[in-house]
Amino acid sequence: MGILWIVIIGGVAGIIARLLSSGPNNPSGFILTVVLGIAGSFLATFIGQAIGWYRPDQGAGFIGATVGALIVLFVWNRLVAHRVISDPGAGPRI
């Protein structure tokens, strides 16, 4: 049940982060949206534990996961804008 809960919260956090983020370079699709939310949750947990907001056995909540996903999307957009990584939705270059 724990993995299912992680996927559900990650999916919802990823959807909300994609709605709040501007820019056309958002990773699309259900799986990438869930991965975005889960990565945001891990990022928020890591940062929160590093600065003392969470105990070592505590994870970030829903709002933390959404904020973490927004940070991940911001980094993604910056990397695509500076052409460090290619935009998977742009198609092949000619």
PDB file of N, CA and C in Angstrom:
ATOM      1  N   MET A   1       0.829  -1.199   0.000  1.00  0.00           N
ATOM      2  CA  MET A   1       0.000   0.000   0.000  1.00  0.00           C
ATOM      3  C   MET A   1       0.867   1.253   0.000  1.00  0.00           C
ATOM      4  N   GLY A   2       2.088   1.158   0.554  1.00  0.00           N
ATOM      5  CA  GLY A   2       2.961   2.328   0.619  1.00  0.00           C
ATOM      6  C   GLY A   2       3.403   2.810  -0.751  1.00  0.00           C
ATOM      7  N   ILE A   3       3.725   1.887  -1.656  1.00  0.00           N
ATOM      8  CA  ILE A   3       4.156   2.260  -3.010  1.00  0.00           C
ATOM      9  C   ILE A   3       3.006   2.909  -3.767  1.00  0.00           C
ATOM     10  N   LEU A   4       1.809   2.363  -3.614  1.00  0.00           N
ATOM     11  CA  LEU A   4       0.637   2.932  -4.273  1.00  0.00           C
ATOM     12  C   LEU A   4       0.382   4.353  -3.786  1.00  0.00           C
ATOM     13  N   TRP A   5       0.550   4.576  -2.494  1.00  0.00           N
ATOM     14  CA  TRP A   5       0.353   5.911  -1.927  1.00  0.00           C
ATOM     15  C   TRP A   5       1.397   6.888  -2.490  1.00  0.00           C
ATOM     16  N   ILE A   6       2.643   6.439  -2.628  1.00  0.00           N
ATOM     17  CA  ILE A   6       3.699   7.280  -3.194  1.00  0.00           C
ATOM     18  C   ILE A   6       3.363   7.663  -4.629  1.00  0.00           C
ATOM     19  N   VAL A   7       2.875   6.708  -5.423  1.00  0.00           N
ATOM     20  CA  VAL A   7       2.523   6.980  -6.818  1.00  0.00           C
ATOM     21  C   VAL A   7       1.349   7.963  -6.899  1.00  0.00           C
ATOM     22  N   ILE A   8       0.353   7.788  -6.045  1.00  0.00           N
ATOM     23  CA  ILE A   8      -0.813   8.682  -6.070  1.00  0.00           C
ATOM     24  C   ILE A   8      -0.411  10.098  -5.682  1.00  0.00           C
ATOM     25  N   ILE A   9       0.298  10.249  -4.575  1.00  0.00           N
ATOM     26  CA  ILE A   9       0.738  11.585  -4.138  1.00  0.00           C
ATOM     27  C   ILE A   9       1.695  12.189  -5.151  1.00  0.00           C
ATOM     28  N   GLY A  10       2.619  11.390  -5.696  1.00  0.00           N
ATOM     29  CA  GLY A  10       3.541  11.885  -6.719  1.00  0.00           C
ATOM     30  C   GLY A  10       2.811  12.346  -7.960  1.00  0.00           C
ATOM     31  N   GLY A  11       1.800  11.586  -8.378  1.00  0.00           N
ATOM     32  CA  GLY A  11       1.019  11.984  -9.556  1.00  0.00           C
ATOM     33  C   GLY A  11       0.275  13.284  -9.352  1.00  0.00           C
ATOM     34  N   VAL A  12      -0.373  13.418  -8.212  1.00  0.00           N
ATOM     35  CA  VAL A  12      -1.131  14.649  -7.936  1.00  0.00           C
ATOM     36  C   VAL A  12      -0.185  15.837  -7.785  1.00  0.00           C
ATOM     37  N   ALA A  13       0.929  15.647  -7.080  1.00  0.00           N
ATOM     38  CA  ALA A  13       1.901  16.732  -6.926  1.00  0.00           C
ATOM     39  C   ALA A  13       2.498  17.121  -8.274  1.00  0.00           C
ATOM     40  N   GLY A  14       2.772  16.139  -9.130  1.00  0.00           N
ATOM     41  CA  GLY A  14       3.303  16.423 -10.467  1.00  0.00           C
ATOM     42  C   GLY A  14       2.311  17.172 -11.326  1.00  0.00           C
ATOM     43  N   ILE A  15       1.030  16.791 -11.260  1.00  0.00           N
ATOM     44  CA  ILE A  15      -0.005  17.490 -12.032  1.00  0.00           C
ATOM     45  C   ILE A  15      -0.130  18.931 -11.582  1.00  0.00           C
ATOM     46  N   ILE A  16      -0.171  19.152 -10.280  1.00  0.00           N
ATOM     47  CA  ILE A  16      -0.290  20.525  -9.767  1.00  0.00           C
ATOM     48  C   ILE A  16       0.938  21.348 -10.143  1.00  0.00           C
ATOM     49  N   ALA A  17       2.131  20.753 -10.040  1.00  0.00           N
ATOM     50  CA  ALA A  17       3.353  21.484 -10.408  1.00  0.00           C
ATOM     51  C   ALA A  17       3.348  21.841 -11.888  1.00  0.00           C
ATOM     52  N   ARG A  18       2.881  20.919 -12.751  1.00  0.00           N
ATOM     53  CA  ARG A  18       2.818  21.214 -14.187  1.00  0.00           C
ATOM     54  C   ARG A  18       1.811  22.321 -14.472  1.00  0.00           C
ATOM     55  N   LEU A  19       0.713  22.372 -13.719  1.00  0.00           N
ATOM     56  CA  LEU A  19      -0.278  23.432 -13.918  1.00  0.00           C
ATOM     57  C   LEU A  19       0.250  24.783 -13.458  1.00  0.00           C
ATOM     58  N   LEU A  20       1.042  24.794 -12.390  1.00  0.00           N
ATOM     59  CA  LEU A  20       1.563  26.047 -11.852  1.00  0.00           C
ATOM     60  C   LEU A  20       2.788  26.567 -12.598  1.00  0.00           C
ATOM     61  N   SER A  21       3.511  25.684 -13.267  1.00  0.00           N
ATOM     62  CA  SER A  21       4.735  26.068 -13.963  1.00  0.00           C
ATOM     63  C   SER A  21       4.413  26.611 -15.349  1.00  0.00           C
ATOM     64  N   SER A  22       5.094  27.663 -15.701  1.00  0.00           N
ATOM     65  CA  SER A  22       4.916  28.206 -17.043  1.00  0.00           C
ATOM     66  C   SER A  22       6.001  27.640 -17.950  1.00  0.00           C
ATOM     67  N   GLY A  23       5.765  27.695 -19.234  1.00  0.00           N
ATOM     68  CA  GLY A  23       6.759  27.235 -20.187  1.00  0.00           C
ATOM     69  C   GLY A  23       6.305  25.996 -20.919  1.00  0.00           C
ATOM     70  N   PRO A  24       6.705  25.875 -22.168  1.00  0.00           N
ATOM     71  CA  PRO A  24       6.278  24.745 -22.984  1.00  0.00           C
ATOM     72  C   PRO A  24       7.127  23.487 -22.806  1.00  0.00           C
ATOM     73  N   ASN A  25       8.175  23.539 -22.011  1.00  0.00           N
ATOM     74  CA  ASN A  25       9.114  22.426 -21.928  1.00  0.00           C
ATOM     75  C   ASN A  25       8.810  21.468 -20.796  1.00  0.00           C
ATOM     76  N   ASN A  26       7.558  21.350 -20.411  1.00  0.00           N
ATOM     77  CA  ASN A  26       7.206  20.432 -19.334  1.00  0.00           C
ATOM     78  C   ASN A  26       7.252  18.999 -19.832  1.00  0.00           C
ATOM     79  N   PRO A  27       7.809  18.100 -19.037  1.00  0.00           N
ATOM     80  CA  PRO A  27       7.741  16.696 -19.428  1.00  0.00           C
ATOM     81  C   PRO A  27       6.289  16.237 -19.394  1.00  0.00           C
ATOM     82  N   SER A  28       5.839  15.558 -20.427  1.00  0.00           N
ATOM     83  CA  SER A  28       4.431  15.192 -20.492  1.00  0.00           C
ATOM     84  C   SER A  28       4.270  13.691 -20.357  1.00  0.00           C
ATOM     85  N   GLY A  29       3.060  13.282 -20.133  1.00  0.00           N
ATOM     86  CA  GLY A  29       2.754  11.875 -19.973  1.00  0.00           C
ATOM     87  C   GLY A  29       2.557  11.525 -18.514  1.00  0.00           C
ATOM     88  N   PHE A  30       1.784  10.465 -18.288  1.00  0.00           N
ATOM     89  CA  PHE A  30       1.452  10.056 -16.926  1.00  0.00           C
ATOM     90  C   PHE A  30       2.685   9.631 -16.149  1.00  0.00           C
ATOM     91  N   ILE A  31       3.523   8.819 -16.758  1.00  0.00           N
ATOM     92  CA  ILE A  31       4.685   8.292 -16.039  1.00  0.00           C
ATOM     93  C   ILE A  31       5.659   9.410 -15.683  1.00  0.00           C
ATOM     94  N   LEU A  32       5.924  10.317 -16.619  1.00  0.00           N
ATOM     95  CA  LEU A  32       6.846  11.421 -16.320  1.00  0.00           C
ATOM     96  C   LEU A  32       6.260  12.379 -15.285  1.00  0.00           C
ATOM     97  N   THR A  33       4.947  12.535 -15.278  1.00  0.00           N
ATOM     98  CA  THR A  33       4.315  13.388 -14.274  1.00  0.00           C
ATOM     99  C   THR A  33       4.450  12.772 -12.885  1.00  0.00           C
ATOM    100  N   VAL A  34       4.251  11.464 -12.785  1.00  0.00           N
ATOM    101  CA  VAL A  34       4.412  10.775 -11.503  1.00  0.00           C
ATOM    102  C   VAL A  34       5.869  10.829 -11.054  1.00  0.00           C
ATOM    103  N   VAL A  35       6.796  10.597 -11.977  1.00  0.00           N
ATOM    104  CA  VAL A  35       8.222  10.662 -11.646  1.00  0.00           C
ATOM    105  C   VAL A  35       8.595  12.078 -11.194  1.00  0.00           C
ATOM    106  N   LEU A  36       8.014  13.077 -11.842  1.00  0.00           N
ATOM    107  CA  LEU A  36       8.253  14.467 -11.441  1.00  0.00           C
ATOM    108  C   LEU A  36       7.809  14.696 -10.001  1.00  0.00           C
ATOM    109  N   GLY A  37       6.620  14.229  -9.647  1.00  0.00           N
ATOM    110  CA  GLY A  37       6.124  14.397  -8.280  1.00  0.00           C
ATOM    111  C   GLY A  37       6.949  13.631  -7.271  1.00  0.00           C
ATOM    112  N   ILE A  38       7.360  12.421  -7.606  1.00  0.00           N
ATOM    113  CA  ILE A  38       8.176  11.627  -6.690  1.00  0.00           C
ATOM    114  C   ILE A  38       9.557  12.261  -6.524  1.00  0.00           C
ATOM    115  N   ALA A  39      10.145  12.734  -7.615  1.00  0.00           N
ATOM    116  CA  ALA A  39      11.441  13.422  -7.519  1.00  0.00           C
ATOM    117  C   ALA A  39      11.321  14.694  -6.684  1.00  0.00           C
ATOM    118  N   GLY A  40      10.207  15.399  -6.840  1.00  0.00           N
ATOM    119  CA  GLY A  40       9.971  16.594  -6.025  1.00  0.00           C
ATOM    120  C   GLY A  40       9.850  16.253  -4.556  1.00  0.00           C
ATOM    121  N   SER A  41       9.213  15.140  -4.252  1.00  0.00           N
ATOM    122  CA  SER A  41       9.084  14.709  -2.865  1.00  0.00           C
ATOM    123  C   SER A  41      10.439  14.351  -2.265  1.00  0.00           C
ATOM    124  N   PHE A  42      11.249  13.617  -3.037  1.00  0.00           N
ATOM    125  CA  PHE A  42      12.593  13.288  -2.550  1.00  0.00           C
ATOM    126  C   PHE A  42      13.434  14.538  -2.354  1.00  0.00           C
ATOM    127  N   LEU A  43      13.342  15.483  -3.278  1.00  0.00           N
ATOM    128  CA  LEU A  43      14.098  16.729  -3.156  1.00  0.00           C
ATOM    129  C   LEU A  43      13.647  17.517  -1.926  1.00  0.00           C
ATOM    130  N   ALA A  44      12.338  17.625  -1.734  1.00  0.00           N
ATOM    131  CA  ALA A  44      11.818  18.361  -0.579  1.00  0.00           C
ATOM    132  C   ALA A  44      12.201  17.677   0.732  1.00  0.00           C
ATOM    133  N   THR A  45      12.182  16.348   0.754  1.00  0.00           N
ATOM    134  CA  THR A  45      12.586  15.617   1.950  1.00  0.00           C
ATOM    135  C   THR A  45      14.057  15.834   2.245  1.00  0.00           C
ATOM    136  N   PHE A  46      14.900  15.756   1.215  1.00  0.00           N
ATOM    137  CA  PHE A  46      16.335  15.952   1.398  1.00  0.00           C
ATOM    138  C   PHE A  46      16.643  17.355   1.916  1.00  0.00           C
ATOM    139  N   ILE A  47      16.058  18.359   1.278  1.00  0.00           N
ATOM    140  CA  ILE A  47      16.316  19.743   1.702  1.00  0.00           C
ATOM    141  C   ILE A  47      15.751  19.990   3.094  1.00  0.00           C
ATOM    142  N   GLY A  48      14.538  19.491   3.352  1.00  0.00           N
ATOM    143  CA  GLY A  48      13.916  19.683   4.664  1.00  0.00           C
ATOM    144  C   GLY A  48      14.707  19.032   5.788  1.00  0.00           C
ATOM    145  N   GLN A  49      15.249  17.840   5.546  1.00  0.00           N
ATOM    146  CA  GLN A  49      16.070  17.187   6.567  1.00  0.00           C
ATOM    147  C   GLN A  49      17.409  17.887   6.727  1.00  0.00           C
ATOM    148  N   ALA A  50      17.953  18.425   5.639  1.00  0.00           N
ATOM    149  CA  ALA A  50      19.249  19.107   5.711  1.00  0.00           C
ATOM    150  C   ALA A  50      19.176  20.392   6.527  1.00  0.00           C
ATOM    151  N   ILE A  51      18.051  21.098   6.436  1.00  0.00           N
ATOM    152  CA  ILE A  51      17.948  22.356   7.178  1.00  0.00           C
ATOM    153  C   ILE A  51      17.190  22.208   8.495  1.00  0.00           C
ATOM    154  N   GLY A  52      16.766  20.981   8.802  1.00  0.00           N
ATOM    155  CA  GLY A  52      16.187  20.715  10.105  1.00  0.00           C
ATOM    156  C   GLY A  52      14.674  20.829  10.203  1.00  0.00           C
ATOM    157  N   TRP A  53      13.975  20.914   9.104  1.00  0.00           N
ATOM    158  CA  TRP A  53      12.508  20.987   9.148  1.00  0.00           C
ATOM    159  C   TRP A  53      11.895  19.629   9.432  1.00  0.00           C
ATOM    160  N   TYR A  54      12.555  18.552   8.960  1.00  0.00           N
ATOM    161  CA  TYR A  54      12.058  17.194   9.146  1.00  0.00           C
ATOM    162  C   TYR A  54      13.085  16.374   9.904  1.00  0.00           C
ATOM    163  N   ARG A  55      12.589  15.414  10.689  1.00  0.00           N
ATOM    164  CA  ARG A  55      13.476  14.458  11.357  1.00  0.00           C
ATOM    165  C   ARG A  55      13.976  13.461  10.321  1.00  0.00           C
ATOM    166  N   PRO A  56      15.034  12.693  10.630  1.00  0.00           N
ATOM    167  CA  PRO A  56      15.541  11.708   9.661  1.00  0.00           C
ATOM    168  C   PRO A  56      14.524  10.642   9.260  1.00  0.00           C
ATOM    169  N   ASP A  57      13.556  10.342  10.113  1.00  0.00           N
ATOM    170  CA  ASP A  57      12.558   9.331   9.776  1.00  0.00           C
ATOM    171  C   ASP A  57      11.282   9.934   9.190  1.00  0.00           C
ATOM    172  N   GLN A  58      11.303  11.216   8.899  1.00  0.00           N
ATOM    173  CA  GLN A  58      10.121  11.930   8.429  1.00  0.00           C
ATOM    174  C   GLN A  58      10.327  12.379   6.987  1.00  0.00           C
ATOM    175  N   GLY A  59       9.274  12.337   6.201  1.00  0.00           N
ATOM    176  CA  GLY A  59       9.342  12.774   4.812  1.00  0.00           C
ATOM    177  C   GLY A  59       8.538  14.041   4.589  1.00  0.00           C
ATOM    178  N   ALA A  60       8.699  14.605   3.424  1.00  0.00           N
ATOM    179  CA  ALA A  60       7.959  15.803   3.059  1.00  0.00           C
ATOM    180  C   ALA A  60       6.501  15.436   2.815  1.00  0.00           C
ATOM    181  N   GLY A  61       5.625  16.366   3.073  1.00  0.00           N
ATOM    182  CA  GLY A  61       4.206  16.147   2.841  1.00  0.00           C
ATOM    183  C   GLY A  61       3.812  16.517   1.420  1.00  0.00           C
ATOM    184  N   PHE A  62       2.518  16.637   1.218  1.00  0.00           N
ATOM    185  CA  PHE A  62       1.989  16.923  -0.111  1.00  0.00           C
ATOM    186  C   PHE A  62       2.446  18.288  -0.618  1.00  0.00           C
ATOM    187  N   ILE A  63       2.391  19.298   0.229  1.00  0.00           N
ATOM    188  CA  ILE A  63       2.807  20.647  -0.191  1.00  0.00           C
ATOM    189  C   ILE A  63       4.302  20.661  -0.477  1.00  0.00           C
ATOM    190  N   GLY A  64       5.083  19.991   0.354  1.00  0.00           N
ATOM    191  CA  GLY A  64       6.523  19.900   0.110  1.00  0.00           C
ATOM    192  C   GLY A  64       6.834  19.199  -1.203  1.00  0.00           C
ATOM    193  N   ALA A  65       6.079  18.135  -1.497  1.00  0.00           N
ATOM    194  CA  ALA A  65       6.282  17.413  -2.760  1.00  0.00           C
ATOM    195  C   ALA A  65       5.955  18.298  -3.948  1.00  0.00           C
ATOM    196  N   THR A  66       4.911  19.104  -3.828  1.00  0.00           N
ATOM    197  CA  THR A  66       4.536  20.003  -4.919  1.00  0.00           C
ATOM    198  C   THR A  66       5.587  21.090  -5.119  1.00  0.00           C
ATOM    199  N   VAL A  67       6.080  21.661  -4.033  1.00  0.00           N
ATOM    200  CA  VAL A  67       7.127  22.682  -4.134  1.00  0.00           C
ATOM    201  C   VAL A  67       8.408  22.068  -4.700  1.00  0.00           C
ATOM    202  N   GLY A  68       8.744  20.869  -4.255  1.00  0.00           N
ATOM    203  CA  GLY A  68       9.915  20.175  -4.802  1.00  0.00           C
ATOM    204  C   GLY A  68       9.768  19.894  -6.287  1.00  0.00           C
ATOM    205  N   ALA A  69       8.554  19.507  -6.715  1.00  0.00           N
ATOM    206  CA  ALA A  69       8.309  19.267  -8.136  1.00  0.00           C
ATOM    207  C   ALA A  69       8.433  20.558  -8.933  1.00  0.00           C
ATOM    208  N   LEU A  70       8.004  21.676  -8.363  1.00  0.00           N
ATOM    209  CA  LEU A  70       8.177  22.970  -9.040  1.00  0.00           C
ATOM    210  C   LEU A  70       9.657  23.298  -9.203  1.00  0.00           C
ATOM    211  N   ILE A  71      10.464  22.979  -8.198  1.00  0.00           N
ATOM    212  CA  ILE A  71      11.906  23.213  -8.301  1.00  0.00           C
ATOM    213  C   ILE A  71      12.507  22.323  -9.382  1.00  0.00           C
ATOM    214  N   VAL A  72      12.091  21.059  -9.426  1.00  0.00           N
ATOM    215  CA  VAL A  72      12.585  20.141 -10.462  1.00  0.00           C
ATOM    216  C   VAL A  72      12.198  20.654 -11.846  1.00  0.00           C
ATOM    217  N   LEU A  73      10.956  21.134 -12.008  1.00  0.00           N
ATOM    218  CA  LEU A  73      10.525  21.676 -13.300  1.00  0.00           C
ATOM    219  C   LEU A  73      11.316  22.925 -13.675  1.00  0.00           C
ATOM    220  N   PHE A  74      11.619  23.777 -12.699  1.00  0.00           N
ATOM    221  CA  PHE A  74      12.415  24.968 -12.978  1.00  0.00           C
ATOM    222  C   PHE A  74      13.792  24.588 -13.497  1.00  0.00           C
ATOM    223  N   VAL A  75      14.426  23.618 -12.833  1.00  0.00           N
ATOM    224  CA  VAL A  75      15.748  23.161 -13.275  1.00  0.00           C
ATOM    225  C   VAL A  75      15.649  22.540 -14.666  1.00  0.00           C
ATOM    226  N   TRP A  76      14.603  21.723 -14.899  1.00  0.00           N
ATOM    227  CA  TRP A  76      14.377  21.102 -16.216  1.00  0.00           C
ATOM    228  C   TRP A  76      14.262  22.188 -17.288  1.00  0.00           C
ATOM    229  N   ASN A  77      13.454  23.218 -17.036  1.00  0.00           N
ATOM    230  CA  ASN A  77      13.256  24.290 -18.020  1.00  0.00           C
ATOM    231  C   ASN A  77      14.546  25.051 -18.290  1.00  0.00           C
ATOM    232  N   ARG A  78      15.356  25.281 -17.259  1.00  0.00           N
ATOM    233  CA  ARG A  78      16.628  25.982 -17.448  1.00  0.00           C
ATOM    234  C   ARG A  78      17.592  25.130 -18.275  1.00  0.00           C
ATOM    235  N   LEU A  79      17.639  23.831 -18.012  1.00  0.00           N
ATOM    236  CA  LEU A  79      18.537  22.971 -18.773  1.00  0.00           C
ATOM    237  C   LEU A  79      18.117  22.883 -20.235  1.00  0.00           C
ATOM    238  N   VAL A  80      16.823  22.832 -20.500  1.00  0.00           N
ATOM    239  CA  VAL A  80      16.339  22.797 -21.883  1.00  0.00           C
ATOM    240  C   VAL A  80      16.575  24.154 -22.551  1.00  0.00           C
ATOM    241  N   ALA A  81      16.349  25.246 -21.837  1.00  0.00           N
ATOM    242  CA  ALA A  81      16.536  26.575 -22.416  1.00  0.00           C
ATOM    243  C   ALA A  81      17.992  26.819 -22.800  1.00  0.00           C
ATOM    244  N   HIS A  82      18.921  26.297 -22.009  1.00  0.00           N
ATOM    245  CA  HIS A  82      20.343  26.464 -22.315  1.00  0.00           C
ATOM    246  C   HIS A  82      20.893  25.324 -23.161  1.00  0.00           C
ATOM    247  N   ARG A  83      20.010  24.467 -23.639  1.00  0.00           N
ATOM    248  CA  ARG A  83      20.338  23.346 -24.521  1.00  0.00           C
ATOM    249  C   ARG A  83      21.367  22.390 -23.934  1.00  0.00           C
ATOM    250  N   VAL A  84      21.351  22.248 -22.624  1.00  0.00           N
ATOM    251  CA  VAL A  84      22.190  21.244 -21.974  1.00  0.00           C
ATOM    252  C   VAL A  84      21.590  19.863 -22.222  1.00  0.00           C
ATOM    253  N   ILE A  85      20.254  19.782 -22.181  1.00  0.00           N
ATOM    254  CA  ILE A  85      19.538  18.566 -22.551  1.00  0.00           C
ATOM    255  C   ILE A  85      18.567  18.921 -23.659  1.00  0.00           C
ATOM    256  N   SER A  86      18.206  17.935 -24.460  1.00  0.00           N
ATOM    257  CA  SER A  86      17.279  18.216 -25.551  1.00  0.00           C
ATOM    258  C   SER A  86      15.847  18.094 -25.050  1.00  0.00           C
ATOM    259  N   ASP A  87      14.950  18.805 -25.694  1.00  0.00           N
ATOM    260  CA  ASP A  87      13.533  18.765 -25.363  1.00  0.00           C
ATOM    261  C   ASP A  87      12.922  17.552 -26.042  1.00  0.00           C
ATOM    262  N   PRO A  88      12.432  16.561 -25.274  1.00  0.00           N
ATOM    263  CA  PRO A  88      11.897  15.367 -25.912  1.00  0.00           C
ATOM    264  C   PRO A  88      10.626  15.627 -26.721  1.00  0.00           C
ATOM    265  N   GLY A  89       9.951  16.722 -26.493  1.00  0.00           N
ATOM    266  CA  GLY A  89       8.734  17.031 -27.233  1.00  0.00           C
ATOM    267  C   GLY A  89       8.983  17.830 -28.502  1.00  0.00           C
ATOM    268  N   ALA A  90      10.220  18.254 -28.736  1.00  0.00           N
ATOM    269  CA  ALA A  90      10.510  19.112 -29.876  1.00  0.00           C
ATOM    270  C   ALA A  90      10.716  18.338 -31.174  1.00  0.00           C
ATOM    271  N   GLY A  91      10.991  17.048 -31.091  1.00  0.00           N
ATOM    272  CA  GLY A  91      11.236  16.265 -32.295  1.00  0.00           C
ATOM    273  C   GLY A  91      12.690  16.367 -32.725  1.00  0.00           C
ATOM    274  N   PRO A  92      13.056  15.697 -33.807  1.00  0.00           N
ATOM    275  CA  PRO A  92      14.457  15.705 -34.249  1.00  0.00           C
ATOM    276  C   PRO A  92      14.846  17.036 -34.867  1.00  0.00           C
ATOM    277  N   ARG A  93      16.120  17.367 -34.707  1.00  0.00           N
ATOM    278  CA  ARG A  93      16.648  18.601 -35.309  1.00  0.00           C
ATOM    279  C   ARG A  93      17.055  18.310 -36.736  1.00  0.00           C
ATOM    280  N   ILE A  94      16.847  19.298 -37.590  1.00  0.00           N
ATOM    281  CA  ILE A  94      17.229  19.151 -38.996  1.00  0.00           C
ATOM    282  C   ILE A  94      18.346  20.109 -39.327  1.00  0.00           C
TER     283      ILE A  94
END
